[in-house]
N, C-alpha and C. Protein backbone atom coordinates (compact mmCIF):
# COMPACT_ATOMS: atom_id res chain seq x y z
N MET A 1 -8.38 -17.59 -4.16
CA MET A 1 -8.96 -17.31 -3.87
C MET A 1 -9.93 -18.14 -4.74
N ALA A 2 -10.54 -19.90 -3.28
CA ALA A 2 -11.65 -20.69 -3.46
C ALA A 2 -13.16 -19.98 -4.56
N LEU A 3 -13.20 -20.21 -5.54
CA LEU A 3 -14.90 -20.48 -6.41
C LEU A 3 -15.53 -21.12 -5.79
N ALA A 4 -16.83 -21.36 -5.88
CA ALA A 4 -17.85 -22.45 -5.48
C ALA A 4 -19.04 -22.21 -6.49
N ASP A 5 -18.35 -23.75 -6.22
CA ASP A 5 -19.49 -24.75 -7.31
C ASP A 5 -20.20 -24.00 -8.17
N ASP A 6 -21.17 -23.18 -7.47
CA ASP A 6 -22.04 -23.12 -8.06
C ASP A 6 -22.33 -21.40 -8.70
N LEU A 7 -22.56 -20.80 -10.61
CA LEU A 7 -22.26 -19.35 -11.10
C LEU A 7 -23.07 -18.69 -10.61
N VAL A 8 -21.85 -17.64 -10.06
CA VAL A 8 -22.27 -16.45 -9.27
C VAL A 8 -23.30 -15.89 -10.40
N THR A 9 -24.65 -15.54 -9.65
CA THR A 9 -25.34 -14.16 -10.79
C THR A 9 -25.85 -13.45 -10.29
N ILE A 10 -26.51 -12.40 -11.14
CA ILE A 10 -27.29 -11.00 -10.22
C ILE A 10 -27.97 -10.59 -10.55
N PHE A 11 -29.20 -11.26 -10.21
CA PHE A 11 -30.34 -11.38 -11.04
C PHE A 11 -30.90 -12.21 -11.93
N GLY A 12 -30.07 -12.87 -12.26
CA GLY A 12 -29.96 -14.61 -12.62
C GLY A 12 -29.11 -14.49 -14.53
N PRO A 13 -29.23 -12.96 -14.16
CA PRO A 13 -27.50 -13.66 -15.53
C PRO A 13 -26.34 -13.43 -15.21
N PRO A 14 -25.43 -14.33 -15.48
CA PRO A 14 -23.90 -14.34 -14.08
C PRO A 14 -23.15 -13.94 -14.31
N ALA A 15 -23.07 -12.78 -13.00
CA ALA A 15 -22.44 -11.81 -12.66
C ALA A 15 -20.73 -11.47 -13.98
N HIS A 16 -20.42 -12.13 -14.15
CA HIS A 16 -19.21 -12.00 -14.98
C HIS A 16 -19.79 -10.31 -16.13
N PRO A 17 -19.87 -11.23 -16.91
CA PRO A 17 -20.45 -9.47 -17.54
C PRO A 17 -20.90 -8.13 -17.31
N LEU A 18 -21.87 -8.66 -15.99
CA LEU A 18 -21.86 -7.13 -15.34
C LEU A 18 -20.60 -6.66 -14.91
N LEU A 19 -20.04 -7.26 -13.61
CA LEU A 19 -18.63 -7.39 -13.09
C LEU A 19 -17.82 -6.38 -13.81
N VAL A 20 -18.17 -7.46 -15.23
CA VAL A 20 -17.10 -6.58 -16.19
C VAL A 20 -17.40 -5.49 -16.78
N HIS A 21 -18.98 -4.32 -16.47
CA HIS A 21 -18.49 -3.26 -16.36
C HIS A 21 -17.99 -1.56 -15.87
N ALA A 22 -17.44 -2.37 -14.29
CA ALA A 22 -16.44 -2.28 -13.83
C ALA A 22 -15.87 -0.92 -13.79
N VAL A 23 -15.15 -2.46 -14.35
CA VAL A 23 -13.49 -2.95 -15.13
C VAL A 23 -13.37 -2.14 -16.26
N VAL A 24 -13.81 -1.71 -17.33
CA VAL A 24 -13.69 -1.01 -18.41
C VAL A 24 -14.01 0.06 -18.43
N VAL A 25 -15.14 0.51 -17.44
CA VAL A 25 -15.14 1.60 -17.54
C VAL A 25 -14.85 2.14 -16.55
N LEU A 26 -14.31 1.56 -14.64
CA LEU A 26 -12.91 2.63 -13.87
C LEU A 26 -11.67 2.70 -14.34
N LEU A 27 -11.42 2.25 -14.65
CA LEU A 27 -10.11 2.00 -15.24
C LEU A 27 -9.47 2.90 -15.69
N PRO A 28 -10.18 2.69 -16.86
CA PRO A 28 -9.94 3.97 -18.59
C PRO A 28 -10.59 5.29 -17.20
N LEU A 29 -11.08 5.46 -17.04
CA LEU A 29 -11.77 6.38 -16.58
C LEU A 29 -10.67 7.08 -15.03
N ALA A 30 -10.15 6.50 -14.69
CA ALA A 30 -9.26 6.40 -13.58
C ALA A 30 -7.99 6.44 -14.63
N ALA A 31 -7.38 6.11 -15.80
CA ALA A 31 -6.21 6.35 -16.34
C ALA A 31 -6.39 8.54 -17.25
N LEU A 32 -7.47 8.18 -18.00
CA LEU A 32 -7.86 8.99 -17.82
C LEU A 32 -7.63 10.75 -17.00
N GLY A 33 -8.65 10.16 -15.13
CA GLY A 33 -7.95 11.44 -14.42
C GLY A 33 -6.30 11.40 -14.43
N ALA A 34 -5.77 10.11 -14.32
CA ALA A 34 -4.52 10.88 -13.93
C ALA A 34 -3.20 11.33 -14.85
N VAL A 35 -3.53 10.62 -16.01
CA VAL A 35 -3.05 11.37 -17.75
C VAL A 35 -3.47 13.33 -17.56
N ALA A 36 -4.15 13.14 -16.90
CA ALA A 36 -4.82 14.78 -16.41
C ALA A 36 -4.10 15.50 -14.97
N ALA A 37 -4.18 14.41 -14.11
CA ALA A 37 -3.55 14.83 -13.27
C ALA A 37 -1.81 15.05 -13.22
N ALA A 38 -1.60 14.00 -14.39
CA ALA A 38 0.17 14.30 -14.25
C ALA A 38 0.29 15.41 -15.85
N VAL A 39 -0.36 15.94 -15.58
CA VAL A 39 0.02 17.04 -17.26
C VAL A 39 -0.21 18.37 -16.56
N VAL A 40 -1.79 18.46 -15.95
CA VAL A 40 -1.60 20.42 -14.86
C VAL A 40 -1.84 19.89 -13.42
N PRO A 41 -0.71 20.70 -12.43
CA PRO A 41 -0.44 20.34 -11.75
C PRO A 41 -2.10 20.69 -10.44
N ARG A 42 -2.23 21.87 -10.85
CA ARG A 42 -3.75 22.12 -10.30
C ARG A 42 -4.36 20.91 -10.19
N TRP A 43 -5.35 20.25 -10.74
CA TRP A 43 -6.20 19.29 -11.04
C TRP A 43 -5.41 18.44 -10.12
N ARG A 44 -4.26 18.14 -10.21
CA ARG A 44 -3.79 16.76 -9.07
C ARG A 44 -4.33 17.85 -7.48
N GLN A 45 -3.97 18.74 -7.71
CA GLN A 45 -4.73 19.76 -6.24
C GLN A 45 -5.39 19.42 -6.21
N LYS A 46 -6.37 19.30 -6.87
CA LYS A 46 -7.81 19.93 -6.86
C LYS A 46 -8.12 18.56 -6.80
N TYR A 47 -8.03 17.41 -7.66
CA TYR A 47 -8.99 16.35 -7.55
C TYR A 47 -8.05 14.56 -6.85
N SER A 48 -7.16 15.02 -6.04
CA SER A 48 -6.62 13.75 -6.13
C SER A 48 -7.13 13.08 -5.24
N TRP A 49 -8.58 13.32 -4.14
CA TRP A 49 -8.96 12.17 -3.66
C TRP A 49 -9.47 11.33 -4.52
N PRO A 50 -10.51 12.12 -5.65
CA PRO A 50 -11.60 11.49 -5.67
C PRO A 50 -10.74 10.77 -7.81
N LEU A 51 -9.03 10.84 -7.73
CA LEU A 51 -8.08 10.77 -8.73
C LEU A 51 -8.37 9.40 -7.64
N ALA A 52 -8.13 9.60 -6.63
CA ALA A 52 -8.18 7.86 -5.57
C ALA A 52 -8.48 7.10 -5.05
N GLY A 53 -9.88 7.38 -5.41
CA GLY A 53 -11.05 6.72 -5.29
C GLY A 53 -11.22 6.67 -6.78
N VAL A 54 -11.18 6.07 -7.32
CA VAL A 54 -11.76 5.48 -8.67
C VAL A 54 -10.67 5.17 -9.76
N THR A 55 -9.74 4.86 -9.17
CA THR A 55 -8.42 4.26 -8.53
C THR A 55 -7.89 2.85 -8.01
N LEU A 56 -9.49 2.81 -7.21
CA LEU A 56 -9.36 1.66 -5.60
C LEU A 56 -9.69 1.28 -6.11
N MET A 57 -11.57 1.56 -6.77
CA MET A 57 -12.26 1.42 -7.41
C MET A 57 -11.98 0.35 -8.89
N GLY A 58 -11.18 0.23 -9.14
CA GLY A 58 -10.57 0.27 -10.85
C GLY A 58 -9.96 -0.90 -10.61
N VAL A 59 -8.98 -0.65 -9.77
CA VAL A 59 -8.23 -2.21 -9.72
C VAL A 59 -9.12 -3.42 -8.83
N GLY A 60 -8.94 -2.43 -7.47
CA GLY A 60 -10.55 -3.26 -6.96
C GLY A 60 -11.82 -4.37 -7.09
N SER A 61 -11.37 -3.88 -8.84
CA SER A 61 -12.71 -4.41 -9.23
C SER A 61 -12.34 -5.58 -10.47
N VAL A 62 -11.10 -5.82 -10.48
CA VAL A 62 -10.44 -6.71 -11.23
C VAL A 62 -10.30 -7.96 -10.74
N PRO A 63 -10.17 -8.40 -9.69
CA PRO A 63 -10.48 -9.58 -9.07
C PRO A 63 -12.21 -10.19 -9.09
N LEU A 64 -13.15 -9.32 -8.99
CA LEU A 64 -13.45 -9.76 -8.79
C LEU A 64 -14.08 -10.15 -10.73
N ALA A 65 -14.52 -9.36 -11.76
CA ALA A 65 -14.46 -9.73 -12.61
C ALA A 65 -13.21 -11.25 -12.71
N GLN A 66 -11.90 -11.47 -12.20
CA GLN A 66 -11.85 -12.62 -12.60
C GLN A 66 -12.13 -13.96 -12.12
N ALA A 67 -12.37 -13.05 -11.04
CA ALA A 67 -12.97 -15.31 -9.63
C ALA A 67 -14.74 -15.15 -11.18
N SER A 68 -15.28 -14.17 -11.18
CA SER A 68 -16.23 -14.59 -11.97
C SER A 68 -16.24 -14.32 -13.31
N GLY A 69 -15.43 -14.97 -14.06
CA GLY A 69 -15.44 -15.10 -14.77
C GLY A 69 -14.30 -16.60 -15.18
N ASP A 70 -14.09 -16.68 -13.77
CA ASP A 70 -13.54 -18.04 -13.76
C ASP A 70 -14.66 -18.90 -13.64
N GLN A 71 -15.90 -18.14 -13.55
CA GLN A 71 -16.53 -19.66 -12.94
C GLN A 71 -16.99 -19.53 -13.87
N LEU A 72 -17.27 -18.57 -14.91
CA LEU A 72 -17.99 -18.98 -15.60
C LEU A 72 -17.34 -19.89 -16.83
N TYR A 73 -16.33 -19.12 -16.91
CA TYR A 73 -15.09 -20.24 -17.47
C TYR A 73 -15.55 -21.76 -18.10
N ALA A 74 -15.42 -22.33 -16.04
CA ALA A 74 -14.99 -22.46 -15.82
C ALA A 74 -16.65 -23.91 -16.75
N ARG A 75 -18.04 -22.89 -16.56
CA ARG A 75 -18.80 -24.21 -17.48
C ARG A 75 -19.07 -23.57 -18.70
N MET A 76 -18.37 -23.22 -19.31
CA MET A 76 -17.48 -22.72 -21.01
C MET A 76 -16.20 -23.94 -21.58
N VAL A 77 -15.88 -24.32 -21.14
CA VAL A 77 -14.60 -24.91 -21.22
C VAL A 77 -15.26 -26.22 -22.08
N ASP A 78 -15.99 -26.53 -22.20
CA ASP A 78 -17.02 -27.99 -23.12
C ASP A 78 -16.76 -27.00 -23.85
N LEU A 79 -17.22 -25.69 -24.52
CA LEU A 79 -17.10 -25.40 -25.97
C LEU A 79 -16.34 -25.51 -26.71
N GLY A 80 -14.82 -25.99 -26.92
CA GLY A 80 -13.84 -25.73 -26.96
C GLY A 80 -13.53 -24.76 -27.89
N ASN A 81 -13.98 -23.16 -27.85
CA ASN A 81 -14.37 -22.24 -28.20
C ASN A 81 -12.64 -21.69 -28.13
N PRO A 82 -12.06 -21.51 -29.20
CA PRO A 82 -10.75 -20.61 -28.89
C PRO A 82 -10.39 -19.06 -28.63
N GLN A 83 -11.78 -18.38 -29.31
CA GLN A 83 -12.15 -17.73 -28.45
C GLN A 83 -12.58 -17.16 -27.16
N ILE A 84 -12.82 -17.82 -26.83
CA ILE A 84 -13.27 -18.32 -24.72
C ILE A 84 -11.87 -18.16 -24.25
N ASP A 85 -11.36 -19.03 -24.96
CA ASP A 85 -9.97 -20.13 -24.15
C ASP A 85 -8.41 -18.68 -24.53
N ARG A 86 -8.56 -17.27 -25.70
CA ARG A 86 -7.65 -16.94 -25.62
C ARG A 86 -8.61 -14.89 -24.25
N HIS A 87 -9.50 -14.84 -24.30
CA HIS A 87 -9.99 -14.10 -23.30
C HIS A 87 -9.33 -14.30 -21.71
N ALA A 88 -9.35 -15.48 -21.52
CA ALA A 88 -10.05 -15.93 -20.64
C ALA A 88 -8.26 -15.98 -20.70
N GLU A 89 -6.83 -15.95 -20.97
CA GLU A 89 -5.57 -15.28 -21.26
C GLU A 89 -5.64 -14.62 -20.65
N LEU A 90 -5.86 -13.75 -22.00
CA LEU A 90 -5.52 -11.98 -20.97
C LEU A 90 -6.49 -11.27 -20.12
N GLY A 91 -7.21 -11.76 -19.96
CA GLY A 91 -8.64 -11.61 -18.37
C GLY A 91 -6.97 -12.00 -16.93
N ASN A 92 -5.94 -12.31 -17.30
CA ASN A 92 -6.14 -13.28 -16.57
C ASN A 92 -4.94 -12.63 -15.49
N ASP A 93 -4.16 -11.65 -17.60
CA ASP A 93 -3.06 -11.35 -17.76
C ASP A 93 -3.32 -9.48 -16.63
N LEU A 94 -4.44 -8.87 -16.73
CA LEU A 94 -4.74 -7.67 -16.74
C LEU A 94 -4.76 -7.58 -14.87
N LEU A 95 -4.28 -8.17 -13.98
CA LEU A 95 -4.05 -7.01 -12.61
C LEU A 95 -2.96 -6.82 -12.92
N PRO A 96 -1.62 -7.58 -13.29
CA PRO A 96 -0.19 -6.75 -13.37
C PRO A 96 -0.99 -5.49 -13.49
N PHE A 97 -1.14 -5.00 -14.57
CA PHE A 97 -1.28 -3.90 -15.04
C PHE A 97 -2.84 -3.08 -14.27
N ALA A 98 -2.93 -3.29 -14.08
CA ALA A 98 -3.75 -2.91 -12.90
C ALA A 98 -2.97 -1.79 -12.28
N LEU A 99 -2.19 -3.16 -11.04
CA LEU A 99 -1.88 -2.94 -9.87
C LEU A 99 -1.23 -2.20 -10.29
N GLY A 100 -0.09 -2.87 -10.75
CA GLY A 100 1.00 -1.63 -11.11
C GLY A 100 1.11 0.18 -11.73
N PHE A 101 -0.33 0.20 -12.60
CA PHE A 101 -0.63 1.74 -13.01
C PHE A 101 -1.77 2.32 -11.73
N GLY A 102 -2.15 1.77 -10.58
CA GLY A 102 -3.13 2.15 -8.88
C GLY A 102 -1.51 2.39 -8.49
N VAL A 103 0.11 2.25 -8.25
CA VAL A 103 1.23 2.43 -7.61
C VAL A 103 1.44 3.83 -8.00
N VAL A 104 1.22 3.24 -9.77
CA VAL A 104 2.03 5.22 -10.10
C VAL A 104 1.04 5.96 -9.94
N VAL A 105 0.13 6.01 -9.65
CA VAL A 105 -1.13 7.06 -8.56
C VAL A 105 -1.30 7.21 -7.93
N VAL A 106 -0.85 7.04 -6.81
CA VAL A 106 -0.75 6.87 -5.39
C VAL A 106 0.86 7.56 -5.65
N ALA A 107 1.96 7.32 -6.30
CA ALA A 107 2.89 7.53 -5.89
C ALA A 107 2.91 8.76 -6.49
N LEU A 108 2.49 9.47 -7.88
CA LEU A 108 2.00 10.43 -7.73
C LEU A 108 1.19 11.27 -7.40
N LEU A 109 0.42 11.32 -6.59
CA LEU A 109 -0.61 12.19 -5.92
C LEU A 109 0.51 12.24 -4.89
N VAL A 110 1.04 11.28 -4.24
CA VAL A 110 1.96 11.54 -2.78
C VAL A 110 3.68 12.94 -3.07
N ALA A 111 4.54 11.84 -4.85
CA ALA A 111 5.13 12.28 -4.77
C ALA A 111 4.69 14.07 -5.09
N GLY A 112 3.45 14.23 -5.89
CA GLY A 112 2.71 15.40 -6.66
C GLY A 112 2.45 17.08 -5.40
N ARG A 113 1.87 16.11 -3.96
CA ARG A 113 1.82 17.25 -2.64
C ARG A 113 3.60 17.94 -2.47
N LEU A 114 4.46 16.48 -2.40
CA LEU A 114 5.32 17.31 -1.77
C LEU A 114 6.38 17.50 -2.73
N ALA A 115 6.11 18.13 -4.60
CA ALA A 115 6.41 19.18 -5.26
C ALA A 115 6.13 20.33 -5.08
N ASP A 116 4.57 19.86 -5.16
CA ASP A 116 4.65 21.62 -4.72
C ASP A 116 4.33 22.26 -3.23
N ARG A 117 4.77 20.93 -2.37
CA ARG A 117 5.62 21.67 -1.24
C ARG A 117 6.86 22.98 -1.63
N GLU A 118 7.34 21.92 -2.23
CA GLU A 118 8.70 22.62 -2.31
C GLU A 118 8.64 23.71 -3.51
N ARG A 119 8.34 23.69 -4.43
CA ARG A 119 7.42 25.04 -4.77
C ARG A 119 6.72 26.48 -3.89
N SER A 120 6.38 25.96 -2.96
CA SER A 120 5.63 27.18 -1.95
C SER A 120 7.36 26.98 -1.60
N ALA A 121 7.76 26.88 -0.77
CA ALA A 121 8.97 26.52 -0.09
C ALA A 121 9.88 27.08 -0.91
N ALA A 122 10.03 27.40 -2.28
CA ALA A 122 10.88 28.05 -3.04
C ALA A 122 10.49 29.75 -2.97
N THR A 123 9.15 29.18 -3.75
CA THR A 123 8.73 30.70 -3.42
C THR A 123 8.67 32.06 -2.82
N GLU A 124 8.83 31.65 -1.30
CA GLU A 124 8.84 31.63 -0.07
C GLU A 124 10.18 31.90 0.56
N SER A 125 10.64 31.25 0.07
CA SER A 125 12.24 31.05 -0.05
C SER A 125 13.27 32.39 -0.33
N THR A 126 14.47 33.16 0.66
CA THR A 126 15.36 33.26 -0.70
C THR A 126 16.70 32.30 -1.43
N THR A 127 17.07 31.73 -0.61
CA THR A 127 18.20 30.61 -0.16
C THR A 127 17.06 30.03 -1.27
N PRO A 128 17.79 29.17 -2.51
CA PRO A 128 17.22 28.28 -3.40
C PRO A 128 16.96 26.75 -2.36
N VAL A 129 15.84 26.46 -2.96
CA VAL A 129 15.80 25.37 -2.30
C VAL A 129 15.96 23.46 -3.63
N PRO A 130 16.83 22.76 -3.24
CA PRO A 130 16.20 21.91 -4.74
C PRO A 130 14.68 21.18 -4.77
N ARG A 131 15.32 20.76 -5.73
CA ARG A 131 13.77 20.72 -7.17
C ARG A 131 13.95 19.00 -6.91
N THR A 132 14.40 18.00 -5.84
CA THR A 132 13.60 16.70 -5.55
C THR A 132 12.81 16.31 -6.56
N TRP A 133 12.02 16.22 -5.25
CA TRP A 133 10.75 15.94 -5.91
C TRP A 133 9.71 16.58 -7.13
N ARG A 134 10.25 17.78 -7.30
CA ARG A 134 9.48 17.96 -9.09
C ARG A 134 9.87 17.94 -9.51
N ARG A 135 11.63 16.55 -9.57
CA ARG A 135 12.09 16.38 -10.31
C ARG A 135 11.00 15.07 -10.49
N ILE A 136 11.11 14.33 -9.73
CA ILE A 136 10.91 13.12 -8.89
C ILE A 136 9.87 12.87 -9.73
N ALA A 137 8.64 14.35 -9.58
CA ALA A 137 6.49 14.08 -10.04
C ALA A 137 6.76 13.97 -11.57
N VAL A 138 7.18 14.87 -12.19
CA VAL A 138 7.83 14.84 -14.09
C VAL A 138 8.37 13.24 -14.22
N VAL A 139 8.79 12.27 -13.75
CA VAL A 139 9.83 11.30 -13.76
C VAL A 139 7.99 10.66 -13.80
N VAL A 140 7.66 10.28 -12.36
CA VAL A 140 6.83 9.80 -12.07
C VAL A 140 4.62 9.97 -13.39
N SER A 141 5.50 11.17 -13.78
CA SER A 141 4.14 11.26 -14.93
C SER A 141 4.53 10.73 -15.53
N VAL A 142 5.54 10.93 -15.56
CA VAL A 142 5.43 9.54 -17.05
C VAL A 142 5.05 8.10 -17.27
N LEU A 143 6.00 7.95 -16.36
CA LEU A 143 5.06 6.28 -15.52
C LEU A 143 3.92 6.52 -15.71
N VAL A 144 2.95 7.04 -15.31
CA VAL A 144 1.58 7.82 -15.35
C VAL A 144 0.81 7.16 -16.25
N ILE A 145 1.69 8.12 -17.45
CA ILE A 145 0.78 7.73 -18.55
C ILE A 145 1.07 6.37 -19.45
N ALA A 146 2.71 5.84 -19.51
CA ALA A 146 2.93 5.23 -19.80
C ALA A 146 1.75 3.85 -19.28
N ALA A 147 1.59 3.46 -18.20
CA ALA A 147 0.91 3.20 -16.95
C ALA A 147 -0.92 3.25 -17.63
N GLY A 148 -1.20 3.86 -17.49
CA GLY A 148 -2.52 4.12 -17.71
C GLY A 148 -2.77 3.47 -18.75
N VAL A 149 -2.23 4.74 -20.51
CA VAL A 149 -2.16 3.63 -20.92
C VAL A 149 -2.23 2.25 -21.82
N ALA A 150 -1.33 2.31 -21.36
CA ALA A 150 -1.10 0.44 -21.14
C ALA A 150 -2.35 0.01 -20.71
N THR A 151 -3.02 -0.46 -19.60
CA THR A 151 -3.78 -0.60 -18.69
C THR A 151 -4.85 0.31 -19.62
N THR A 152 -5.36 0.85 -20.82
CA THR A 152 -6.44 1.05 -21.07
C THR A 152 -6.47 -0.50 -21.91
N VAL A 153 -5.27 0.23 -22.73
CA VAL A 153 -5.15 -0.59 -24.24
C VAL A 153 -5.06 -2.56 -23.63
N GLN A 154 -4.84 -2.72 -22.37
CA GLN A 154 -5.13 -4.38 -21.76
C GLN A 154 -6.80 -4.95 -21.64
N VAL A 155 -7.33 -3.25 -21.59
CA VAL A 155 -8.72 -3.47 -20.81
C VAL A 155 -9.46 -3.78 -22.82
N VAL A 156 -8.70 -3.15 -24.17
CA VAL A 156 -9.38 -3.00 -24.45
C VAL A 156 -9.50 -3.65 -25.36
N ARG A 157 -7.91 -4.93 -24.89
CA ARG A 157 -8.31 -5.92 -26.39
C ARG A 157 -9.01 -7.13 -25.28
N ILE A 158 -8.42 -6.78 -24.16
CA ILE A 158 -9.62 -8.08 -23.05
C ILE A 158 -11.19 -8.04 -23.40
N GLY A 159 -11.46 -6.52 -23.18
CA GLY A 159 -12.65 -6.39 -23.74
C GLY A 159 -13.35 -7.24 -25.41
N HIS A 160 -12.10 -6.48 -26.23
CA HIS A 160 -12.99 -7.51 -27.74
C HIS A 160 -13.18 -8.64 -27.49
N SER A 161 -11.94 -9.50 -27.01
CA SER A 161 -12.38 -10.78 -27.59
C SER A 161 -13.22 -11.89 -27.00
N GLY A 162 -13.77 -11.06 -25.37
CA GLY A 162 -15.28 -11.20 -24.91
C GLY A 162 -15.69 -11.04 -25.97
N SER A 163 -16.57 -10.13 -26.24
CA SER A 163 -17.66 -9.33 -26.89
C SER A 163 -17.33 -10.58 -27.65
N SER A 164 -16.06 -10.24 -28.62
CA SER A 164 -16.20 -11.18 -30.26
C SER A 164 -16.92 -12.35 -29.95
N ALA A 165 -16.07 -12.45 -28.65
CA ALA A 165 -16.58 -15.17 -28.72
C ALA A 165 -18.41 -14.27 -28.35
N VAL A 166 -18.83 -13.76 -27.64
CA VAL A 166 -19.71 -13.90 -27.15
C VAL A 166 -20.96 -13.55 -28.54
N TRP A 167 -20.46 -12.20 -29.47
CA TRP A 167 -21.33 -11.77 -30.43
C TRP A 167 -21.54 -12.73 -31.33
N ASN A 168 -20.81 -13.01 -31.68
CA ASN A 168 -20.50 -14.26 -32.74
C ASN A 168 -21.28 -15.85 -32.63
N GLY A 169 -21.85 -16.39 -30.96
CA GLY A 169 -23.52 -16.42 -31.53
C GLY A 169 -21.53 -17.93 -30.84
N VAL A 170 -21.35 -17.90 -30.16
CA VAL A 170 -20.28 -19.37 -29.84
C VAL A 170 -20.05 -19.39 -28.52
N ALA A 171 -20.58 -18.20 -28.00
CA ALA A 171 -20.52 -18.01 -26.22
C ALA A 171 -21.92 -18.60 -25.12
N THR A 172 -22.75 -19.74 -25.78
CA THR A 172 -23.53 -20.11 -24.64
C THR A 172 -23.57 -20.58 -23.48
N PRO A 173 -23.63 -19.88 -22.24
CA PRO A 173 -23.94 -21.57 -21.57
C PRO A 173 -24.46 -22.15 -21.62
């Protein structure tokens, strides 16, 4: 993605601190919702579309925050601040976490739906029904919990490093 030479702003301030709030709110919210959906199947049935939407918006906000952060970093690179450098390094690592999390959430919603159909067929049938999708849903649930925790921890690490750089008074563009 090519970046413009001019710093993108939203009503005056740089866009990065504002766009970051989408990541900071949406990804942990999606992680919390995904863990709830993984643990309580009826919540997965009821809230699958909102969970998919929040997850998609959270994952989609990461590249926007990264692009605006790259622009802001280009303005601050001359400050020689190791805290800003560390924040930029951590920020560049978030997209794989977010994408992996998004993939396992979609896998949970699909496997969960198929497991629910399998469970319904088992209650209606007198012959044994394989438990394939129910087992897959359990495995994917564990992956969702792990990916949700990892993504949230990474968001907190990145946010803490960025806010430390700003609030310690060393990052003024």
